[in-house]
């Protein structure tokens, strides 16, 4: 897939590593997290400060015709909306691996699988235990700093300290963990934008309603 250019930094990257925005038929600015919505899109490197700059300086008008100037509180609300959507996508990606039987949870389960493809570590996990698991499982990649309640949600638990992605027979399979890594890479800079704990879908839906009333 051809690369896209961030309208703020000028960086050219794969679309899966950027945030795409489109204008909906009713004129609302919409984050296209899955890169599937129709229409012309604008791409921004996934950092809150870059999205904020694009909105404050009306950068999207030139690229996709979004002319509305948002107030600071509206921008904050929009950033929280983006965080919630990215968070949900991250959970969905892990859930897909879980349904395939190649995502496992818990330190003891991980230690029984010495050749993990990927290791996911919660932000409040024990450093000592994390190093022990790393030395036993030799993962190809590691994601750290994941909120434990979000990692747990992907496995139907209240919270979780460790999870892993098992090896897959086909080395170039879509289940090599790239989607999880890319998803986390986009979400991570927005994690501190979290503003509610009422549940992923409920929070996002309420933010959509509020944003569209502004």
N, C-alpha and C. Protein backbone atom coordinates (compact mmCIF):
# COMPACT_ATOMS: atom_id res chain seq x y z
N UNK A 1 0.84 -1.19 0.00
CA UNK A 1 0.00 0.00 0.00
C UNK A 1 0.88 1.25 0.00
N UNK A 2 0.51 2.25 -0.80
CA UNK A 2 1.30 3.46 -0.91
C UNK A 2 1.27 4.25 0.40
N UNK A 3 2.33 4.99 0.64
CA UNK A 3 2.43 5.77 1.87
C UNK A 3 1.61 7.05 1.77
N UNK A 4 1.27 7.58 2.94
CA UNK A 4 0.53 8.82 3.03
C UNK A 4 1.35 9.84 3.80
N UNK A 5 1.05 11.12 3.58
CA UNK A 5 1.83 12.20 4.19
C UNK A 5 1.07 12.88 5.32
N UNK A 6 1.70 13.01 6.46
CA UNK A 6 1.12 13.72 7.58
C UNK A 6 1.04 15.21 7.23
N UNK A 7 -0.11 15.82 7.40
CA UNK A 7 -0.29 17.23 7.02
C UNK A 7 0.42 18.19 7.98
N UNK A 8 0.88 17.68 9.13
CA UNK A 8 1.58 18.53 10.10
C UNK A 8 3.09 18.36 10.00
N UNK A 9 3.56 17.14 10.00
CA UNK A 9 5.01 16.90 10.04
C UNK A 9 5.63 16.70 8.66
N UNK A 10 4.81 16.32 7.69
CA UNK A 10 5.33 16.03 6.37
C UNK A 10 5.91 14.63 6.24
N UNK A 11 5.82 13.83 7.31
CA UNK A 11 6.34 12.46 7.27
C UNK A 11 5.47 11.59 6.36
N UNK A 12 6.13 10.71 5.61
CA UNK A 12 5.42 9.76 4.77
C UNK A 12 5.48 8.38 5.42
N UNK A 13 4.32 7.82 5.75
CA UNK A 13 4.25 6.54 6.44
C UNK A 13 3.12 5.70 5.88
N UNK A 14 3.13 4.41 6.26
CA UNK A 14 2.02 3.55 5.90
C UNK A 14 0.74 4.09 6.54
N UNK A 15 -0.39 4.01 5.86
CA UNK A 15 -1.64 4.52 6.42
C UNK A 15 -1.98 3.96 7.78
N UNK A 16 -1.58 2.70 8.03
CA UNK A 16 -1.90 2.06 9.31
C UNK A 16 -1.16 2.69 10.49
N UNK A 17 -0.16 3.52 10.21
CA UNK A 17 0.61 4.17 11.26
C UNK A 17 0.19 5.61 11.47
N UNK A 18 -0.75 6.08 10.67
CA UNK A 18 -1.24 7.45 10.77
C UNK A 18 -2.71 7.46 11.17
N UNK A 19 -3.22 8.62 11.49
CA UNK A 19 -4.65 8.80 11.75
C UNK A 19 -5.27 9.46 10.53
N UNK A 20 -6.36 8.88 10.05
CA UNK A 20 -7.05 9.45 8.89
C UNK A 20 -8.34 10.13 9.34
N UNK A 21 -8.61 11.28 8.75
CA UNK A 21 -9.81 12.03 9.08
C UNK A 21 -10.58 12.34 7.80
N UNK A 22 -11.89 12.23 7.88
CA UNK A 22 -12.75 12.57 6.75
C UNK A 22 -13.88 13.45 7.26
N UNK A 23 -14.56 14.08 6.33
CA UNK A 23 -15.75 14.86 6.66
C UNK A 23 -16.97 14.04 6.28
N UNK A 24 -17.85 13.81 7.22
CA UNK A 24 -19.04 13.01 6.98
C UNK A 24 -20.03 13.78 6.10
N UNK A 25 -21.03 13.10 5.53
CA UNK A 25 -22.02 13.78 4.69
C UNK A 25 -22.74 14.93 5.38
N UNK A 26 -22.85 14.85 6.73
CA UNK A 26 -23.52 15.93 7.46
C UNK A 26 -22.55 17.01 7.94
N UNK A 27 -21.29 16.93 7.47
CA UNK A 27 -20.33 17.99 7.75
C UNK A 27 -19.51 17.84 9.00
N UNK A 28 -19.62 16.71 9.70
CA UNK A 28 -18.85 16.50 10.92
C UNK A 28 -17.47 15.91 10.62
N UNK A 29 -16.48 16.33 11.36
CA UNK A 29 -15.14 15.76 11.23
C UNK A 29 -15.13 14.40 11.91
N UNK A 30 -14.68 13.37 11.18
CA UNK A 30 -14.77 12.00 11.67
C UNK A 30 -13.42 11.31 11.64
N UNK A 31 -12.95 10.75 12.77
CA UNK A 31 -11.73 9.95 12.75
C UNK A 31 -12.02 8.61 12.06
N UNK A 32 -11.26 8.29 11.04
CA UNK A 32 -11.45 7.03 10.30
C UNK A 32 -10.40 6.04 10.79
N UNK A 33 -10.65 5.45 11.94
CA UNK A 33 -9.66 4.59 12.60
C UNK A 33 -9.30 3.37 11.75
N UNK A 34 -10.26 2.82 11.01
CA UNK A 34 -10.01 1.63 10.20
C UNK A 34 -9.56 1.96 8.78
N UNK A 35 -9.45 3.25 8.45
CA UNK A 35 -9.04 3.67 7.10
C UNK A 35 -9.94 3.09 6.01
N UNK A 36 -11.24 3.12 6.26
CA UNK A 36 -12.16 2.51 5.29
C UNK A 36 -13.28 3.45 4.84
N UNK A 37 -13.44 4.59 5.50
CA UNK A 37 -14.54 5.47 5.15
C UNK A 37 -14.32 6.12 3.78
N UNK A 38 -15.40 6.31 3.03
CA UNK A 38 -15.26 6.91 1.69
C UNK A 38 -14.95 8.40 1.77
N UNK A 39 -14.47 8.92 0.68
CA UNK A 39 -14.19 10.35 0.60
C UNK A 39 -12.72 10.66 0.77
N UNK A 40 -12.42 11.91 0.51
CA UNK A 40 -11.04 12.38 0.64
C UNK A 40 -10.64 12.41 2.11
N UNK A 41 -9.43 11.97 2.40
CA UNK A 41 -8.96 11.93 3.78
C UNK A 41 -7.72 12.76 4.01
N UNK A 42 -7.54 13.19 5.24
CA UNK A 42 -6.32 13.88 5.67
C UNK A 42 -5.65 13.03 6.73
N UNK A 43 -4.33 12.93 6.67
CA UNK A 43 -3.58 12.07 7.56
C UNK A 43 -2.72 12.89 8.52
N UNK A 44 -2.73 12.46 9.78
CA UNK A 44 -1.95 13.13 10.82
C UNK A 44 -1.20 12.09 11.65
N UNK A 45 0.07 12.38 11.94
CA UNK A 45 0.86 11.49 12.79
C UNK A 45 0.16 11.39 14.15
N UNK A 46 0.02 10.17 14.69
CA UNK A 46 -0.80 9.97 15.89
C UNK A 46 -0.20 10.51 17.19
N UNK A 47 -0.29 11.81 17.34
CA UNK A 47 0.06 12.45 18.60
C UNK A 47 -0.98 13.53 18.87
N UNK A 48 -1.45 13.64 20.12
CA UNK A 48 -2.47 14.64 20.44
C UNK A 48 -2.08 16.06 20.03
N UNK A 49 -0.80 16.41 20.21
CA UNK A 49 -0.39 17.77 19.90
C UNK A 49 -0.50 18.09 18.41
N UNK A 50 -0.32 17.08 17.56
CA UNK A 50 -0.43 17.31 16.12
C UNK A 50 -1.89 17.46 15.70
N UNK A 51 -2.76 16.65 16.30
CA UNK A 51 -4.19 16.80 16.01
C UNK A 51 -4.67 18.15 16.51
N UNK A 52 -4.22 18.53 17.69
CA UNK A 52 -4.60 19.82 18.26
C UNK A 52 -4.16 20.97 17.35
N UNK A 53 -2.93 20.87 16.85
CA UNK A 53 -2.42 21.92 15.95
C UNK A 53 -3.24 22.01 14.68
N UNK A 54 -3.60 20.86 14.12
CA UNK A 54 -4.38 20.85 12.89
C UNK A 54 -5.74 21.52 13.09
N UNK A 55 -6.33 21.31 14.27
CA UNK A 55 -7.63 21.88 14.55
C UNK A 55 -7.54 23.36 14.91
N UNK A 56 -6.55 23.73 15.70
CA UNK A 56 -6.41 25.13 16.12
C UNK A 56 -6.06 26.04 14.96
N UNK A 57 -5.23 25.52 14.04
CA UNK A 57 -4.77 26.35 12.91
C UNK A 57 -5.56 26.09 11.63
N UNK A 58 -6.65 25.35 11.77
CA UNK A 58 -7.54 25.10 10.63
C UNK A 58 -6.82 24.46 9.44
N UNK A 59 -5.89 23.55 9.72
CA UNK A 59 -5.11 22.89 8.67
C UNK A 59 -5.96 21.96 7.81
N UNK A 60 -7.08 21.47 8.36
CA UNK A 60 -7.89 20.50 7.63
C UNK A 60 -8.73 21.15 6.54
N UNK A 61 -8.88 22.47 6.59
CA UNK A 61 -9.68 23.16 5.57
C UNK A 61 -9.09 22.96 4.18
N UNK A 62 -7.81 23.07 4.08
CA UNK A 62 -7.13 22.94 2.79
C UNK A 62 -7.18 21.53 2.24
N UNK A 63 -7.11 20.54 3.12
CA UNK A 63 -6.98 19.16 2.68
C UNK A 63 -8.32 18.46 2.47
N UNK A 64 -9.29 18.69 3.36
CA UNK A 64 -10.58 18.00 3.21
C UNK A 64 -11.78 18.94 3.34
N UNK A 65 -11.51 20.23 3.36
CA UNK A 65 -12.60 21.19 3.35
C UNK A 65 -13.35 21.36 4.66
N UNK A 66 -12.74 20.96 5.77
CA UNK A 66 -13.40 21.16 7.07
C UNK A 66 -13.07 22.56 7.56
N UNK A 67 -14.06 23.46 7.51
CA UNK A 67 -13.82 24.87 7.75
C UNK A 67 -14.07 25.31 9.19
N UNK A 68 -14.75 24.50 9.97
CA UNK A 68 -15.17 24.93 11.30
C UNK A 68 -13.99 25.12 12.24
N UNK A 69 -13.99 26.23 12.97
CA UNK A 69 -12.97 26.51 13.98
C UNK A 69 -13.49 26.01 15.32
N UNK A 70 -12.76 25.10 15.94
CA UNK A 70 -13.19 24.52 17.20
C UNK A 70 -12.62 25.28 18.39
N UNK A 71 -13.41 25.40 19.43
CA UNK A 71 -12.95 26.00 20.68
C UNK A 71 -12.05 25.01 21.42
N UNK A 72 -11.22 25.50 22.36
CA UNK A 72 -10.34 24.60 23.11
C UNK A 72 -11.06 23.42 23.75
N UNK A 73 -12.23 23.66 24.35
CA UNK A 73 -12.96 22.56 25.00
C UNK A 73 -13.48 21.56 23.96
N UNK A 74 -13.80 22.05 22.77
CA UNK A 74 -14.25 21.15 21.70
C UNK A 74 -13.10 20.28 21.21
N UNK A 75 -11.91 20.88 21.14
CA UNK A 75 -10.72 20.12 20.73
C UNK A 75 -10.40 19.04 21.76
N UNK A 76 -10.49 19.40 23.05
CA UNK A 76 -10.24 18.42 24.11
C UNK A 76 -11.22 17.25 24.00
N UNK A 77 -12.46 17.55 23.74
CA UNK A 77 -13.48 16.52 23.59
C UNK A 77 -13.18 15.63 22.39
N UNK A 78 -12.73 16.23 21.31
CA UNK A 78 -12.41 15.48 20.10
C UNK A 78 -11.21 14.55 20.34
N UNK A 79 -10.22 15.02 21.08
CA UNK A 79 -9.06 14.19 21.41
C UNK A 79 -9.46 13.00 22.27
N UNK A 80 -10.38 13.21 23.20
CA UNK A 80 -10.84 12.11 24.03
C UNK A 80 -11.63 11.10 23.19
N UNK A 81 -12.35 11.62 22.22
CA UNK A 81 -13.06 10.74 21.30
C UNK A 81 -12.08 9.86 20.54
N UNK A 82 -11.02 10.45 20.02
CA UNK A 82 -10.01 9.70 19.28
C UNK A 82 -9.38 8.64 20.19
N UNK A 83 -9.04 9.04 21.41
CA UNK A 83 -8.45 8.07 22.35
C UNK A 83 -9.36 6.87 22.56
N UNK A 84 -10.64 7.13 22.74
CA UNK A 84 -11.58 6.04 22.97
C UNK A 84 -11.70 5.11 21.77
N UNK A 85 -11.70 5.67 20.58
CA UNK A 85 -11.78 4.85 19.38
C UNK A 85 -10.52 4.00 19.18
N UNK A 86 -9.38 4.60 19.43
CA UNK A 86 -8.12 3.86 19.30
C UNK A 86 -8.02 2.77 20.36
N UNK A 87 -8.48 3.08 21.55
CA UNK A 87 -8.48 2.09 22.63
C UNK A 87 -9.35 0.90 22.27
N UNK A 88 -10.53 1.17 21.76
CA UNK A 88 -11.44 0.09 21.37
C UNK A 88 -10.85 -0.76 20.26
N UNK A 89 -10.19 -0.13 19.29
CA UNK A 89 -9.58 -0.87 18.19
C UNK A 89 -8.47 -1.78 18.71
N UNK A 90 -7.69 -1.30 19.67
CA UNK A 90 -6.63 -2.11 20.25
C UNK A 90 -7.21 -3.35 20.92
N UNK A 91 -8.28 -3.17 21.69
CA UNK A 91 -8.94 -4.30 22.35
C UNK A 91 -9.50 -5.27 21.31
N UNK A 92 -10.06 -4.75 20.24
CA UNK A 92 -10.63 -5.60 19.19
C UNK A 92 -9.55 -6.44 18.52
N UNK A 93 -8.39 -5.85 18.28
CA UNK A 93 -7.29 -6.60 17.65
C UNK A 93 -6.85 -7.76 18.53
N UNK A 94 -6.69 -7.51 19.82
CA UNK A 94 -6.30 -8.59 20.73
C UNK A 94 -7.40 -9.65 20.77
N UNK A 95 -8.66 -9.21 20.77
CA UNK A 95 -9.77 -10.15 20.78
C UNK A 95 -9.76 -11.07 19.58
N UNK A 96 -9.37 -10.55 18.42
CA UNK A 96 -9.29 -11.37 17.22
C UNK A 96 -8.25 -12.48 17.39
N UNK A 97 -7.12 -12.15 17.96
CA UNK A 97 -6.08 -13.15 18.21
C UNK A 97 -6.56 -14.15 19.26
N UNK A 98 -7.28 -13.66 20.24
CA UNK A 98 -7.79 -14.55 21.29
C UNK A 98 -8.76 -15.57 20.71
N UNK A 99 -9.65 -15.12 19.83
CA UNK A 99 -10.61 -16.05 19.21
C UNK A 99 -9.93 -17.08 18.34
N UNK A 100 -8.78 -16.74 17.81
CA UNK A 100 -8.00 -17.68 17.00
C UNK A 100 -7.19 -18.65 17.86
N UNK A 101 -7.23 -18.41 19.16
CA UNK A 101 -6.50 -19.29 20.07
C UNK A 101 -5.02 -19.03 20.14
N UNK A 102 -4.58 -17.84 19.70
CA UNK A 102 -3.14 -17.55 19.71
C UNK A 102 -2.80 -16.35 20.59
N UNK A 103 -3.74 -15.94 21.42
CA UNK A 103 -3.46 -14.93 22.44
C UNK A 103 -3.76 -15.55 23.80
N UNK A 104 -2.81 -15.52 24.70
CA UNK A 104 -2.97 -16.14 26.00
C UNK A 104 -2.69 -15.12 27.09
N UNK A 105 -3.26 -15.36 28.28
CA UNK A 105 -3.14 -14.40 29.37
C UNK A 105 -2.58 -15.05 30.61
N UNK A 106 -1.90 -14.25 31.42
CA UNK A 106 -1.41 -14.72 32.71
C UNK A 106 0.04 -15.16 32.67
N UNK A 107 0.78 -14.82 33.71
CA UNK A 107 2.21 -15.12 33.78
C UNK A 107 2.49 -16.61 33.68
N UNK A 108 1.72 -17.45 34.38
CA UNK A 108 1.98 -18.89 34.36
C UNK A 108 1.77 -19.49 32.98
N UNK A 109 0.72 -19.08 32.28
CA UNK A 109 0.48 -19.57 30.92
C UNK A 109 1.59 -19.16 29.97
N UNK A 110 2.08 -17.94 30.14
CA UNK A 110 3.15 -17.46 29.27
C UNK A 110 4.44 -18.26 29.47
N UNK A 111 4.73 -18.59 30.71
CA UNK A 111 5.97 -19.31 31.00
C UNK A 111 5.97 -20.71 30.40
N UNK A 112 4.78 -21.23 30.11
CA UNK A 112 4.68 -22.57 29.50
C UNK A 112 4.83 -22.53 27.99
N UNK A 113 5.01 -21.35 27.43
CA UNK A 113 5.17 -21.19 25.98
C UNK A 113 6.46 -20.44 25.70
N UNK A 114 7.58 -21.16 25.59
CA UNK A 114 8.90 -20.55 25.52
C UNK A 114 9.19 -19.74 24.27
N UNK A 115 8.36 -19.84 23.22
CA UNK A 115 8.65 -19.10 22.00
C UNK A 115 7.45 -18.22 21.62
N UNK A 116 7.29 -17.15 22.34
CA UNK A 116 6.22 -16.20 22.05
C UNK A 116 6.61 -15.29 20.89
N UNK A 117 5.62 -14.90 20.10
CA UNK A 117 5.86 -13.89 19.09
C UNK A 117 5.89 -12.52 19.74
N UNK A 118 4.91 -12.28 20.62
CA UNK A 118 4.83 -10.97 21.26
C UNK A 118 4.45 -11.07 22.72
N UNK A 119 4.88 -10.08 23.50
CA UNK A 119 4.58 -10.02 24.92
C UNK A 119 3.98 -8.65 25.24
N UNK A 120 2.85 -8.65 25.93
CA UNK A 120 2.17 -7.42 26.31
C UNK A 120 2.24 -7.27 27.82
N UNK A 121 2.72 -6.12 28.29
CA UNK A 121 2.97 -5.92 29.71
C UNK A 121 2.20 -4.69 30.19
N UNK A 122 1.44 -4.85 31.26
CA UNK A 122 0.66 -3.75 31.82
C UNK A 122 1.56 -2.73 32.51
N UNK A 123 1.08 -1.53 32.63
CA UNK A 123 1.87 -0.44 33.21
C UNK A 123 2.18 -0.68 34.69
N UNK A 124 1.33 -1.42 35.39
CA UNK A 124 1.56 -1.66 36.81
C UNK A 124 2.08 -3.06 37.09
N UNK A 125 2.55 -3.75 36.06
CA UNK A 125 3.09 -5.10 36.23
C UNK A 125 4.43 -5.06 36.95
N UNK A 126 4.76 -6.14 37.63
CA UNK A 126 6.04 -6.24 38.34
C UNK A 126 7.20 -6.26 37.35
N UNK A 127 8.16 -5.37 37.54
CA UNK A 127 9.34 -5.35 36.66
C UNK A 127 10.11 -6.65 36.75
N UNK A 128 10.21 -7.17 37.95
CA UNK A 128 10.95 -8.42 38.15
C UNK A 128 10.28 -9.57 37.41
N UNK A 129 8.96 -9.66 37.53
CA UNK A 129 8.23 -10.72 36.84
C UNK A 129 8.30 -10.54 35.33
N UNK A 130 8.25 -9.30 34.88
CA UNK A 130 8.33 -9.03 33.45
C UNK A 130 9.66 -9.51 32.87
N UNK A 131 10.74 -9.21 33.57
CA UNK A 131 12.06 -9.64 33.11
C UNK A 131 12.17 -11.16 33.12
N UNK A 132 11.57 -11.79 34.11
CA UNK A 132 11.58 -13.25 34.19
C UNK A 132 10.85 -13.87 33.00
N UNK A 133 9.68 -13.32 32.68
CA UNK A 133 8.91 -13.83 31.55
C UNK A 133 9.64 -13.60 30.23
N UNK A 134 10.23 -12.42 30.10
CA UNK A 134 10.99 -12.12 28.88
C UNK A 134 12.12 -13.13 28.67
N UNK A 135 12.84 -13.45 29.73
CA UNK A 135 13.98 -14.37 29.61
C UNK A 135 13.54 -15.79 29.30
N UNK A 136 12.33 -16.15 29.71
CA UNK A 136 11.83 -17.51 29.48
C UNK A 136 11.15 -17.68 28.12
N UNK A 137 10.55 -16.61 27.61
CA UNK A 137 9.72 -16.74 26.41
C UNK A 137 10.37 -16.19 25.14
N UNK A 138 11.38 -15.33 25.27
CA UNK A 138 12.12 -14.78 24.13
C UNK A 138 11.20 -14.22 23.04
N UNK A 139 10.34 -13.26 23.39
CA UNK A 139 9.41 -12.71 22.39
C UNK A 139 10.13 -11.90 21.31
N UNK A 140 9.55 -11.88 20.11
CA UNK A 140 10.11 -11.07 19.03
C UNK A 140 9.88 -9.58 19.27
N UNK A 141 8.78 -9.26 19.92
CA UNK A 141 8.49 -7.86 20.23
C UNK A 141 7.77 -7.78 21.57
N UNK A 142 7.86 -6.59 22.20
CA UNK A 142 7.27 -6.36 23.51
C UNK A 142 6.55 -5.02 23.51
N UNK A 143 5.36 -4.99 24.08
CA UNK A 143 4.62 -3.75 24.27
C UNK A 143 4.49 -3.51 25.77
N UNK A 144 4.92 -2.35 26.23
CA UNK A 144 4.89 -2.04 27.66
C UNK A 144 4.00 -0.82 27.92
N UNK A 145 3.58 -0.69 29.16
CA UNK A 145 2.83 0.49 29.57
C UNK A 145 1.35 0.45 29.25
N UNK A 146 0.79 -0.73 29.01
CA UNK A 146 -0.63 -0.86 28.70
C UNK A 146 -1.43 -0.79 30.01
N UNK A 147 -2.47 0.02 30.09
CA UNK A 147 -3.30 0.03 31.30
C UNK A 147 -3.84 -1.37 31.58
N UNK A 148 -3.68 -1.85 32.80
CA UNK A 148 -4.04 -3.23 33.12
C UNK A 148 -5.52 -3.52 32.93
N UNK A 149 -6.38 -2.51 33.15
CA UNK A 149 -7.81 -2.75 32.97
C UNK A 149 -8.18 -2.90 31.50
N UNK A 150 -7.42 -2.25 30.62
CA UNK A 150 -7.68 -2.38 29.18
C UNK A 150 -7.16 -3.72 28.68
N UNK A 151 -6.00 -4.13 29.14
CA UNK A 151 -5.47 -5.44 28.76
C UNK A 151 -6.40 -6.53 29.27
N UNK A 152 -6.92 -6.36 30.46
CA UNK A 152 -7.85 -7.34 31.00
C UNK A 152 -9.14 -7.40 30.21
N UNK A 153 -9.63 -6.26 29.75
CA UNK A 153 -10.88 -6.21 28.98
C UNK A 153 -10.80 -7.09 27.74
N UNK A 154 -9.64 -7.14 27.11
CA UNK A 154 -9.47 -7.95 25.91
C UNK A 154 -9.64 -9.44 26.19
N UNK A 155 -9.49 -9.82 27.47
CA UNK A 155 -9.60 -11.23 27.85
C UNK A 155 -10.80 -11.46 28.78
N UNK A 156 -11.67 -10.50 28.87
CA UNK A 156 -12.86 -10.65 29.70
C UNK A 156 -12.56 -10.64 31.18
N UNK A 157 -11.51 -9.95 31.58
CA UNK A 157 -11.14 -9.86 32.98
C UNK A 157 -11.17 -8.42 33.46
N UNK A 158 -11.17 -8.24 34.77
CA UNK A 158 -11.17 -6.89 35.32
C UNK A 158 -9.85 -6.19 35.06
N UNK A 159 -8.76 -6.94 35.19
CA UNK A 159 -7.43 -6.39 34.90
C UNK A 159 -6.49 -7.55 34.59
N UNK A 160 -5.36 -7.22 33.99
CA UNK A 160 -4.41 -8.26 33.61
C UNK A 160 -3.02 -7.63 33.51
N UNK A 161 -2.01 -8.35 34.03
CA UNK A 161 -0.65 -7.83 34.03
C UNK A 161 0.14 -8.24 32.79
N UNK A 162 -0.11 -9.48 32.31
CA UNK A 162 0.67 -9.98 31.18
C UNK A 162 -0.22 -10.74 30.19
N UNK A 163 0.12 -10.62 28.92
CA UNK A 163 -0.52 -11.40 27.87
C UNK A 163 0.51 -11.65 26.78
N UNK A 164 0.26 -12.66 25.96
CA UNK A 164 1.23 -12.98 24.93
C UNK A 164 0.57 -13.46 23.66
N UNK A 165 1.32 -13.35 22.57
CA UNK A 165 0.88 -13.83 21.26
C UNK A 165 1.74 -15.03 20.89
N UNK A 166 1.09 -16.15 20.62
CA UNK A 166 1.81 -17.37 20.30
C UNK A 166 2.32 -17.35 18.86
N UNK A 167 3.31 -18.18 18.60
CA UNK A 167 3.84 -18.31 17.25
C UNK A 167 2.81 -18.93 16.33
N UNK A 168 2.89 -18.59 15.04
CA UNK A 168 1.95 -19.11 14.04
C UNK A 168 2.76 -19.81 12.97
N UNK A 169 2.22 -20.87 12.39
CA UNK A 169 2.96 -21.71 11.45
C UNK A 169 3.49 -20.92 10.26
N UNK A 170 2.68 -20.03 9.72
CA UNK A 170 3.12 -19.27 8.56
C UNK A 170 3.80 -18.00 9.01
N UNK A 171 5.08 -17.86 8.72
CA UNK A 171 5.86 -16.73 9.22
C UNK A 171 5.32 -15.38 8.74
N UNK A 172 4.76 -15.35 7.53
CA UNK A 172 4.26 -14.10 6.98
C UNK A 172 2.76 -13.96 7.17
N UNK A 173 2.21 -14.70 8.09
CA UNK A 173 0.77 -14.65 8.34
C UNK A 173 0.35 -13.29 8.85
N UNK A 174 -0.92 -12.95 8.63
CA UNK A 174 -1.46 -11.72 9.18
C UNK A 174 -1.51 -11.76 10.70
N UNK A 175 -1.30 -12.94 11.27
CA UNK A 175 -1.33 -13.09 12.72
C UNK A 175 0.07 -13.11 13.33
N UNK A 176 0.95 -12.27 12.77
CA UNK A 176 2.28 -12.16 13.37
C UNK A 176 2.34 -11.04 14.40
N UNK A 177 1.20 -10.42 14.65
CA UNK A 177 1.13 -9.40 15.68
C UNK A 177 1.28 -7.97 15.20
N UNK A 178 1.48 -7.77 13.91
CA UNK A 178 1.66 -6.41 13.39
C UNK A 178 0.46 -5.52 13.69
N UNK A 179 -0.73 -6.06 13.54
CA UNK A 179 -1.93 -5.24 13.75
C UNK A 179 -2.02 -4.76 15.20
N UNK A 180 -1.62 -5.62 16.14
CA UNK A 180 -1.64 -5.23 17.55
C UNK A 180 -0.58 -4.16 17.82
N UNK A 181 0.60 -4.34 17.26
CA UNK A 181 1.67 -3.36 17.48
C UNK A 181 1.32 -2.01 16.87
N UNK A 182 0.82 -2.02 15.65
CA UNK A 182 0.46 -0.76 15.00
C UNK A 182 -0.68 -0.08 15.75
N UNK A 183 -1.64 -0.89 16.20
CA UNK A 183 -2.77 -0.35 16.93
C UNK A 183 -2.31 0.32 18.22
N UNK A 184 -1.40 -0.33 18.93
CA UNK A 184 -0.90 0.23 20.19
C UNK A 184 -0.05 1.47 19.93
N UNK A 185 0.73 1.44 18.86
CA UNK A 185 1.58 2.57 18.54
C UNK A 185 0.76 3.83 18.29
N UNK A 186 -0.40 3.67 17.67
CA UNK A 186 -1.26 4.82 17.42
C UNK A 186 -1.97 5.28 18.70
N UNK A 187 -2.36 4.31 19.53
CA UNK A 187 -3.13 4.64 20.73
C UNK A 187 -2.28 5.21 21.85
N UNK A 188 -1.07 4.70 22.02
CA UNK A 188 -0.23 5.01 23.18
C UNK A 188 -0.10 6.51 23.46
N UNK A 189 0.17 7.37 22.48
CA UNK A 189 0.31 8.80 22.79
C UNK A 189 -0.97 9.43 23.33
N UNK A 190 -2.11 8.77 23.12
CA UNK A 190 -3.39 9.33 23.55
C UNK A 190 -3.88 8.77 24.89
N UNK A 191 -3.14 7.83 25.45
CA UNK A 191 -3.61 7.15 26.65
C UNK A 191 -3.93 8.13 27.76
N UNK A 192 -3.12 9.16 27.94
CA UNK A 192 -3.33 10.11 29.03
C UNK A 192 -4.48 11.08 28.74
N UNK A 193 -5.11 10.91 27.57
CA UNK A 193 -6.29 11.72 27.27
C UNK A 193 -7.55 11.07 27.82
N UNK A 194 -7.42 9.87 28.45
CA UNK A 194 -8.58 9.17 28.99
C UNK A 194 -9.31 10.07 29.98
N UNK A 195 -10.63 10.16 29.82
CA UNK A 195 -11.38 11.07 30.67
C UNK A 195 -12.56 10.43 31.37
N UNK A 196 -12.88 9.17 31.01
CA UNK A 196 -14.00 8.52 31.69
C UNK A 196 -13.74 7.04 31.79
N UNK A 197 -14.36 6.40 32.74
CA UNK A 197 -14.17 4.98 32.98
C UNK A 197 -15.51 4.24 32.92
N UNK A 198 -16.46 4.77 32.15
CA UNK A 198 -17.80 4.20 32.13
C UNK A 198 -17.96 3.10 31.10
N UNK A 199 -16.88 2.71 30.48
CA UNK A 199 -16.97 1.67 29.46
C UNK A 199 -16.63 2.24 28.11
N UNK A 200 -15.96 1.46 27.30
CA UNK A 200 -15.45 1.94 26.02
C UNK A 200 -16.56 2.46 25.12
N UNK A 201 -17.54 1.63 24.82
CA UNK A 201 -18.57 2.02 23.87
C UNK A 201 -19.42 3.15 24.40
N UNK A 202 -19.81 3.08 25.67
CA UNK A 202 -20.65 4.13 26.22
C UNK A 202 -19.98 5.48 26.21
N UNK A 203 -18.72 5.51 26.59
CA UNK A 203 -17.98 6.75 26.61
C UNK A 203 -17.87 7.36 25.22
N UNK A 204 -17.53 6.55 24.23
CA UNK A 204 -17.37 7.03 22.87
C UNK A 204 -18.69 7.55 22.32
N UNK A 205 -19.75 6.81 22.55
CA UNK A 205 -21.05 7.23 22.02
C UNK A 205 -21.49 8.56 22.60
N UNK A 206 -21.25 8.76 23.89
CA UNK A 206 -21.63 10.02 24.50
C UNK A 206 -20.79 11.17 23.96
N UNK A 207 -19.53 10.91 23.68
CA UNK A 207 -18.67 11.96 23.14
C UNK A 207 -19.11 12.33 21.73
N UNK A 208 -19.53 11.34 20.94
CA UNK A 208 -20.05 11.64 19.61
C UNK A 208 -21.25 12.57 19.71
N UNK A 209 -22.15 12.26 20.63
CA UNK A 209 -23.36 13.06 20.78
C UNK A 209 -23.03 14.49 21.16
N UNK A 210 -22.12 14.65 22.14
CA UNK A 210 -21.76 15.97 22.60
C UNK A 210 -21.04 16.76 21.52
N UNK A 211 -20.14 16.11 20.81
CA UNK A 211 -19.35 16.79 19.79
C UNK A 211 -20.24 17.28 18.66
N UNK A 212 -21.21 16.49 18.28
CA UNK A 212 -22.09 16.85 17.17
C UNK A 212 -23.11 17.93 17.54
N UNK A 213 -23.28 18.18 18.85
CA UNK A 213 -24.19 19.23 19.29
C UNK A 213 -23.50 20.59 19.31
N UNK A 214 -22.16 20.56 19.33
CA UNK A 214 -21.41 21.80 19.47
C UNK A 214 -21.53 22.67 18.22
